[in-house]
Amino acid sequence: MGAHASNTKRIWQVFAYLSILTIIEVVLGIFKPDSLFHNGVFGLSFLNWIFILMTIWKAYYIMWAFMHLEGEKASFRWSIVAPMFFLIIYITCLVLIEGDYVYEVFQHSTMKWIF
């Protein structure tokens, strides 16, 4: 029974941690502080960078806790986390680049798009 109690406690700790991160994201999304929303780097506002980094952090923490990576050897952890990390960065860059391209095409297009 003691093992269940510790696992239950661990699940509630992970739930609390992920809930706090999600609440921070929601509050930032609702209030959009001007200092974060109107200033940025690499074409993105600091607020967007915060959302991207917090999402990656939450994904890593979910893998850490629920895939039980915290108890594994460092080399095995990195063999799982590193490819995911680079894949997430790659996909994020593609979405941002292509999204900006589509936005520019629609902004400067002389054609009428029918949707």
Protein backbone atom coordinates (compact mmCIF):
# COMPACT_ATOMS: atom_id res chain seq x y z
CA MET A 1 0.00 0.00 0.00
CA GLY A 2 2.94 2.31 0.66
CA ALA A 3 4.06 2.15 -2.99
CA HIS A 4 0.63 3.29 -4.15
CA ALA A 5 0.66 6.20 -1.74
CA SER A 6 4.01 7.43 -3.04
CA ASN A 7 2.90 7.03 -6.67
CA THR A 8 -0.32 8.87 -5.95
CA LYS A 9 1.63 11.63 -4.24
CA ARG A 10 3.98 11.86 -7.24
CA ILE A 11 1.08 12.08 -9.68
CA TRP A 12 -0.47 14.91 -7.66
CA GLN A 13 2.89 16.72 -7.57
CA VAL A 14 3.20 16.47 -11.35
CA PHE A 15 -0.42 17.58 -11.73
CA ALA A 16 0.19 20.61 -9.49
CA TYR A 17 3.38 21.58 -11.31
CA LEU A 18 1.82 21.29 -14.78
CA SER A 19 -1.29 23.12 -13.57
CA ILE A 20 0.81 26.03 -12.29
CA LEU A 21 2.64 26.28 -15.62
CA THR A 22 -0.66 26.14 -17.52
CA ILE A 23 -2.23 28.80 -15.28
CA ILE A 24 0.78 31.07 -15.91
CA GLU A 25 0.36 30.56 -19.66
CA VAL A 26 -3.37 31.31 -19.51
CA VAL A 27 -2.87 34.44 -17.40
CA LEU A 28 -0.17 35.70 -19.78
CA GLY A 29 -2.45 34.92 -22.74
CA ILE A 30 -5.37 36.82 -21.22
CA PHE A 31 -3.51 39.91 -20.02
CA LYS A 32 -0.77 40.06 -22.70
CA PRO A 33 1.65 42.42 -20.91
CA ASP A 34 2.69 45.20 -23.30
CA SER A 35 6.38 44.80 -22.45
CA LEU A 36 6.24 41.16 -23.59
CA PHE A 37 3.69 41.50 -26.38
CA HIS A 38 5.13 44.49 -28.28
CA ASN A 39 8.84 43.67 -27.94
CA GLY A 40 10.57 40.69 -29.38
CA VAL A 41 13.47 39.03 -31.08
CA PHE A 42 13.78 37.07 -34.36
CA GLY A 43 10.37 38.32 -35.53
CA LEU A 44 8.46 36.95 -32.54
CA SER A 45 7.28 38.74 -29.45
CA PHE A 46 8.75 37.75 -26.11
CA LEU A 47 5.30 36.50 -25.16
CA ASN A 48 5.32 34.01 -28.05
CA TRP A 49 8.81 32.87 -27.06
CA ILE A 50 7.58 32.34 -23.49
CA PHE A 51 4.67 30.22 -24.77
CA ILE A 52 6.95 28.13 -27.00
CA LEU A 53 9.53 27.55 -24.26
CA MET A 54 6.93 26.75 -21.61
CA THR A 55 5.25 24.27 -23.95
CA ILE A 56 8.57 22.55 -24.64
CA TRP A 57 9.31 22.52 -20.90
CA LYS A 58 5.92 20.96 -20.14
CA ALA A 59 6.44 18.31 -22.83
CA TYR A 60 9.84 17.46 -21.37
CA TYR A 61 8.42 17.30 -17.85
CA ILE A 62 5.63 14.97 -18.99
CA MET A 63 8.23 12.69 -20.56
CA TRP A 64 10.37 12.97 -17.42
CA ALA A 65 7.53 12.03 -15.06
CA PHE A 66 5.17 9.76 -16.98
CA MET A 67 7.69 7.95 -19.18
CA HIS A 68 9.78 7.45 -16.01
CA LEU A 69 12.88 9.02 -17.52
CA GLU A 70 13.91 10.42 -14.16
CA GLY A 71 15.15 7.00 -13.05
CA GLU A 72 17.03 6.12 -16.25
CA LYS A 73 20.67 6.59 -17.17
CA ALA A 74 21.60 9.96 -18.64
CA SER A 75 22.62 8.48 -21.99
CA PHE A 76 19.25 6.75 -22.40
CA ARG A 77 17.40 9.95 -21.40
CA TRP A 78 19.32 11.95 -23.98
CA SER A 79 18.69 9.34 -26.68
CA ILE A 80 14.97 10.02 -26.24
CA VAL A 81 14.94 13.73 -25.39
CA ALA A 82 17.49 15.07 -27.92
CA PRO A 83 15.70 13.87 -31.08
CA MET A 84 12.37 15.14 -29.73
CA PHE A 85 13.95 18.48 -28.82
CA PHE A 86 15.39 19.00 -32.29
CA LEU A 87 12.21 17.78 -33.96
CA ILE A 88 10.12 20.25 -31.95
CA ILE A 89 12.49 23.11 -32.82
CA TYR A 90 12.44 22.11 -36.50
CA ILE A 91 8.64 21.90 -36.66
CA THR A 92 8.27 25.19 -34.76
CA CYS A 93 10.60 26.95 -37.20
CA LEU A 94 8.75 25.50 -40.20
CA VAL A 95 5.37 26.60 -38.86
CA LEU A 96 6.65 30.11 -38.11
CA ILE A 97 8.39 30.54 -41.47
CA GLU A 98 5.50 29.17 -43.52
CA GLY A 99 2.94 31.06 -41.44
CA ASP A 100 4.80 34.31 -42.04
CA TYR A 101 5.00 33.54 -45.76
CA VAL A 102 1.25 32.90 -46.00
CA TYR A 103 0.55 36.08 -44.01
CA GLU A 104 2.75 38.14 -46.35
CA VAL A 105 1.15 36.62 -49.46
CA PHE A 106 -2.35 37.47 -48.21
CA GLN A 107 -1.32 40.98 -47.15
CA HIS A 108 0.32 41.91 -50.45
CA SER A 109 -1.83 39.98 -52.86
CA THR A 110 -3.77 41.80 -55.55
CA MET A 111 -5.90 38.73 -56.18
CA LYS A 112 -9.18 38.14 -54.40
CA TRP A 113 -9.15 34.87 -52.50
CA ILE A 114 -12.45 33.10 -52.21
CA PHE A 115 -12.85 31.04 -49.06
